[in-house]
Amino acid sequence: MKFRRRSPSDATPNPDELDGTAPDTIEGPDGTVMVRLGPYDVDDIPAEMAAIDRVDLGSILVAPVPNCELRLQVDERTQEVQAVLLTSDEGALELRAFAAPRNGDLWATVRPQLAQDIVNRGGEVSEIEGTWGIHLVGQMPVQLPDGTQGVQASRIIGINGSRWMLRATLIGRPAVDGDYANIWLQGLAASAIRRGDAALPVGEALPLVMPPQPAPTTEA
């Protein structure tokens, strides 16, 4: 797939360079067919994108990202999966899906709350117009392993779907480097969401499950 981005000249997010308005289509796996931009509802994946080998984690079907490792954030007390992480040595993409109103805009509701949370924790936050609407770009002070103070960059993207909202958070280099973020956003655009038919409160996290384990092989 190809996903056009513009890249910043330094590590500080620049609204004019980090993320312009991208096309509403991406290339299919064969590199020739243009299809509409995802993430997709699991029942509405374009035929040209169905062949992608996504990892089925219940509510999120994760498309592969080259040179990235798939990790799951698990609550130690309940052993429930809280979030999906695609990680590399220089950053990560965190994915969480939530129940949303059928015709509502949950992202517009929660975005100010997320921005205020960053400010309350001593960070700075701004809004930029991006591929999926308004993105939040944050800078959070952190303590580095050597004890010195540093800054962790993040970019939060909210995508409203059919009774669901996907919150995707780029952390580290992919939050500020448009070219480097390209492969992560390709994976995001090709992923799918399984909302399910259960009645859930608005804003409740959709359940995630461990990926199925391959059956053990036996020697003849």
Protein backbone atom coordinates (compact mmCIF):
# COMPACT_ATOMS: atom_id res chain seq x y z
CA MET A 1 0.00 0.00 0.00
CA LYS A 2 1.06 3.59 -0.50
CA PHE A 3 0.04 6.40 1.83
CA ARG A 4 1.33 9.87 1.01
CA ARG A 5 2.71 11.98 3.84
CA ARG A 6 4.76 15.13 4.28
CA SER A 7 7.73 15.00 6.65
CA PRO A 8 8.93 17.52 9.24
CA SER A 9 12.38 19.07 9.10
CA ASP A 10 13.12 18.41 12.79
CA ALA A 11 11.83 16.53 15.83
CA THR A 12 9.34 19.26 16.80
CA PRO A 13 5.85 18.71 15.36
CA ASN A 14 4.97 21.35 12.78
CA PRO A 15 1.27 21.51 11.85
CA ASP A 16 2.17 22.61 8.31
CA GLU A 17 4.53 19.70 7.70
CA LEU A 18 3.58 16.82 9.97
CA ASP A 19 0.32 15.80 8.40
CA GLY A 20 -1.51 17.38 5.49
CA THR A 21 -4.75 16.21 3.97
CA ALA A 22 -4.18 12.79 2.42
CA PRO A 23 -6.24 11.17 -0.34
CA ASP A 24 -9.32 9.18 0.62
CA THR A 25 -7.91 6.10 -1.08
CA ILE A 26 -4.91 3.80 -0.75
CA GLU A 27 -3.41 1.18 -3.03
CA GLY A 28 -4.45 -2.42 -2.64
CA PRO A 29 -1.98 -5.25 -1.89
CA ASP A 30 -1.24 -5.75 -5.59
CA GLY A 31 -0.12 -2.13 -5.89
CA THR A 32 -2.57 -1.29 -8.65
CA VAL A 33 -6.11 -1.12 -7.27
CA MET A 34 -7.13 2.03 -5.45
CA VAL A 35 -9.55 1.45 -2.56
CA ARG A 36 -11.11 3.70 0.05
CA LEU A 37 -9.20 4.46 3.20
CA GLY A 38 -9.78 2.38 6.37
CA PRO A 39 -9.81 1.29 9.13
CA TYR A 40 -12.76 -0.80 8.01
CA ASP A 41 -15.69 -2.35 9.74
CA VAL A 42 -15.04 -6.09 9.70
CA ASP A 43 -18.19 -6.64 7.63
CA ASP A 44 -17.25 -3.94 5.12
CA ILE A 45 -13.65 -4.68 4.12
CA PRO A 46 -13.14 -3.95 0.40
CA ALA A 47 -12.59 -7.09 -1.64
CA GLU A 48 -9.19 -5.81 -2.75
CA MET A 49 -8.07 -5.61 0.90
CA ALA A 50 -9.50 -8.90 2.14
CA ALA A 51 -6.33 -10.87 1.40
CA ILE A 52 -4.26 -8.98 3.99
CA ASP A 53 -3.18 -11.35 6.78
CA ARG A 54 -4.55 -9.47 9.80
CA VAL A 55 -4.05 -10.70 13.37
CA ASP A 56 -7.51 -11.29 14.88
CA LEU A 57 -7.61 -9.91 18.44
CA GLY A 58 -11.38 -9.88 18.79
CA SER A 59 -12.48 -6.28 18.40
CA ILE A 60 -9.37 -5.24 16.44
CA LEU A 61 -7.97 -7.05 13.41
CA VAL A 62 -4.43 -5.70 13.11
CA ALA A 63 -2.77 -5.32 9.73
CA PRO A 64 0.98 -6.05 9.65
CA VAL A 65 3.56 -3.26 9.88
CA PRO A 66 7.04 -4.11 8.49
CA ASN A 67 9.83 -4.43 11.08
CA CYS A 68 7.42 -3.97 13.98
CA GLU A 69 6.58 -6.35 16.81
CA LEU A 70 3.00 -6.95 17.95
CA ARG A 71 2.57 -6.70 21.72
CA LEU A 72 -0.45 -6.75 23.99
CA GLN A 73 -0.85 -4.59 27.07
CA VAL A 74 -2.40 -6.82 29.75
CA ASP A 75 -3.87 -5.82 33.12
CA GLU A 76 -1.83 -7.78 35.67
CA ARG A 77 -4.78 -8.05 38.09
CA THR A 78 -7.51 -9.18 35.70
CA GLN A 79 -5.31 -10.58 32.92
CA GLU A 80 -7.53 -8.76 30.43
CA VAL A 81 -5.99 -7.30 27.28
CA GLN A 82 -6.18 -3.50 27.49
CA ALA A 83 -4.49 -2.34 24.27
CA VAL A 84 -2.62 -3.45 21.17
CA LEU A 85 0.91 -2.17 20.53
CA LEU A 86 3.00 -2.27 17.37
CA THR A 87 6.54 -1.44 18.46
CA SER A 88 9.98 -0.80 17.06
CA ASP A 89 13.22 0.49 18.59
CA GLU A 90 12.15 4.10 17.89
CA GLY A 91 8.47 4.20 18.63
CA ALA A 92 5.11 2.52 18.88
CA LEU A 93 1.51 2.59 17.69
CA GLU A 94 -1.11 1.89 20.35
CA LEU A 95 -4.63 0.84 19.31
CA ARG A 96 -7.77 0.87 21.45
CA ALA A 97 -11.38 0.50 20.25
CA PHE A 98 -14.49 1.80 22.03
CA ALA A 99 -18.26 1.54 21.71
CA ALA A 100 -19.76 4.66 20.15
CA PRO A 101 -23.17 6.06 19.14
CA ARG A 102 -24.49 4.92 15.79
CA ASN A 103 -24.48 8.40 14.24
CA GLY A 104 -22.42 10.29 16.81
CA ASP A 105 -18.93 11.76 16.93
CA LEU A 106 -17.29 10.21 19.98
CA TRP A 107 -13.87 11.55 18.98
CA ALA A 108 -15.13 15.15 19.20
CA THR A 109 -16.41 14.37 22.71
CA VAL A 110 -13.31 12.71 24.14
CA ARG A 111 -10.66 14.83 22.37
CA PRO A 112 -10.89 17.79 24.80
CA GLN A 113 -10.71 15.37 27.73
CA LEU A 114 -7.54 13.76 26.38
CA ALA A 115 -5.99 17.16 25.71
CA GLN A 116 -6.76 18.33 29.24
CA ASP A 117 -5.27 15.15 30.69
CA ILE A 118 -1.97 15.86 28.91
CA VAL A 119 -1.95 19.41 30.27
CA ASN A 120 -2.79 18.21 33.78
CA ARG A 121 0.23 15.91 33.68
CA GLY A 122 2.54 18.79 32.81
CA GLY A 123 2.60 18.36 29.04
CA GLU A 124 1.80 20.53 26.05
CA VAL A 125 -0.79 19.71 23.41
CA SER A 126 -2.00 21.16 20.11
CA GLU A 127 -4.46 20.20 17.40
CA ILE A 128 -3.63 19.65 13.74
CA GLU A 129 -5.76 18.75 10.74
CA GLY A 130 -4.77 15.27 9.61
CA THR A 131 -5.84 12.40 7.43
CA TRP A 132 -8.68 11.32 9.73
CA GLY A 133 -9.71 14.79 10.86
CA ILE A 134 -8.29 16.55 13.91
CA HIS A 135 -5.28 14.91 15.58
CA LEU A 136 -3.85 15.75 19.00
CA VAL A 137 -0.08 16.29 19.13
CA GLY A 138 1.39 16.11 22.61
CA GLN A 139 4.75 16.67 24.29
CA MET A 140 5.06 15.04 27.73
CA PRO A 141 8.03 15.52 30.09
CA VAL A 142 9.59 12.17 31.09
CA GLN A 143 12.60 10.97 33.03
CA LEU A 144 15.13 9.21 30.82
CA PRO A 145 16.94 6.00 31.88
CA ASP A 146 20.08 8.02 32.73
CA GLY A 147 18.07 10.19 35.14
CA THR A 148 17.93 13.29 32.96
CA GLN A 149 14.71 14.95 31.81
CA GLY A 150 13.42 14.44 28.31
CA VAL A 151 10.24 14.82 26.27
CA GLN A 152 8.05 12.06 24.86
CA ALA A 153 6.12 12.97 21.72
CA SER A 154 2.73 11.51 20.90
CA ARG A 155 0.05 11.94 18.27
CA ILE A 156 -3.48 10.74 19.02
CA ILE A 157 -5.81 9.96 16.12
CA GLY A 158 -9.52 9.28 16.65
CA ILE A 159 -11.47 7.50 13.93
CA ASN A 160 -15.27 7.22 14.11
CA GLY A 161 -16.78 4.08 12.62
CA SER A 162 -20.08 2.21 12.67
CA ARG A 163 -20.94 2.23 16.41
CA TRP A 164 -17.22 2.22 17.25
CA MET A 165 -14.32 4.59 17.60
CA LEU A 166 -10.70 3.57 17.16
CA ARG A 167 -8.10 5.56 19.09
CA ALA A 168 -4.63 5.26 17.60
CA THR A 169 -1.66 6.79 19.40
CA LEU A 170 1.72 7.22 17.74
CA ILE A 171 4.52 7.42 20.30
CA GLY A 172 8.11 8.56 19.83
CA ARG A 173 9.62 9.09 16.39
CA PRO A 174 6.50 8.19 14.35
CA ALA A 175 4.63 10.97 16.17
CA VAL A 176 6.94 13.65 14.73
CA ASP A 177 8.56 12.15 11.61
CA GLY A 178 6.08 12.04 8.74
CA ASP A 179 8.14 9.72 6.53
CA TYR A 180 8.82 7.31 9.37
CA ALA A 181 5.14 7.33 10.37
CA ASN A 182 4.17 6.27 6.85
CA ILE A 183 4.40 2.50 7.40
CA TRP A 184 2.55 2.73 10.72
CA LEU A 185 -0.32 4.66 9.17
CA GLN A 186 -0.50 2.19 6.29
CA GLY A 187 -1.11 -0.54 8.86
CA LEU A 188 -3.67 1.60 10.66
CA ALA A 189 -5.51 2.32 7.40
CA ALA A 190 -5.70 -1.41 6.55
CA SER A 191 -6.87 -2.62 9.97
CA ALA A 192 -10.47 -3.58 10.78
CA ILE A 193 -12.83 -3.33 13.76
CA ARG A 194 -15.33 -5.94 14.97
CA ARG A 195 -17.95 -4.06 17.00
CA GLY A 196 -20.23 -7.01 17.78
CA ASP A 197 -23.96 -6.86 18.49
CA ALA A 198 -23.82 -6.50 22.28
CA ALA A 199 -25.31 -3.36 23.80
CA LEU A 200 -22.46 -1.43 25.44
CA PRO A 201 -22.28 1.96 27.15
CA VAL A 202 -20.83 4.70 24.96
CA GLY A 203 -17.09 4.93 25.57
CA GLU A 204 -16.68 1.40 26.94
CA ALA A 205 -13.63 -0.42 25.59
CA LEU A 206 -14.40 -3.17 23.10
CA PRO A 207 -13.02 -6.51 24.31
CA LEU A 208 -9.65 -7.72 23.07
CA VAL A 209 -8.50 -11.33 23.16
CA MET A 210 -5.21 -13.14 22.85
CA PRO A 211 -4.47 -14.31 19.30
CA PRO A 212 -5.15 -18.01 18.69
CA GLN A 213 -2.15 -20.21 19.33
CA PRO A 214 -1.06 -22.62 16.59
CA ALA A 215 -1.86 -26.23 17.30
CA PRO A 216 1.15 -28.26 18.51
CA THR A 217 2.70 -30.53 15.96
CA THR A 218 3.32 -34.19 16.63
CA GLU A 219 5.93 -36.36 15.11
CA ALA A 220 4.81 -39.41 13.26
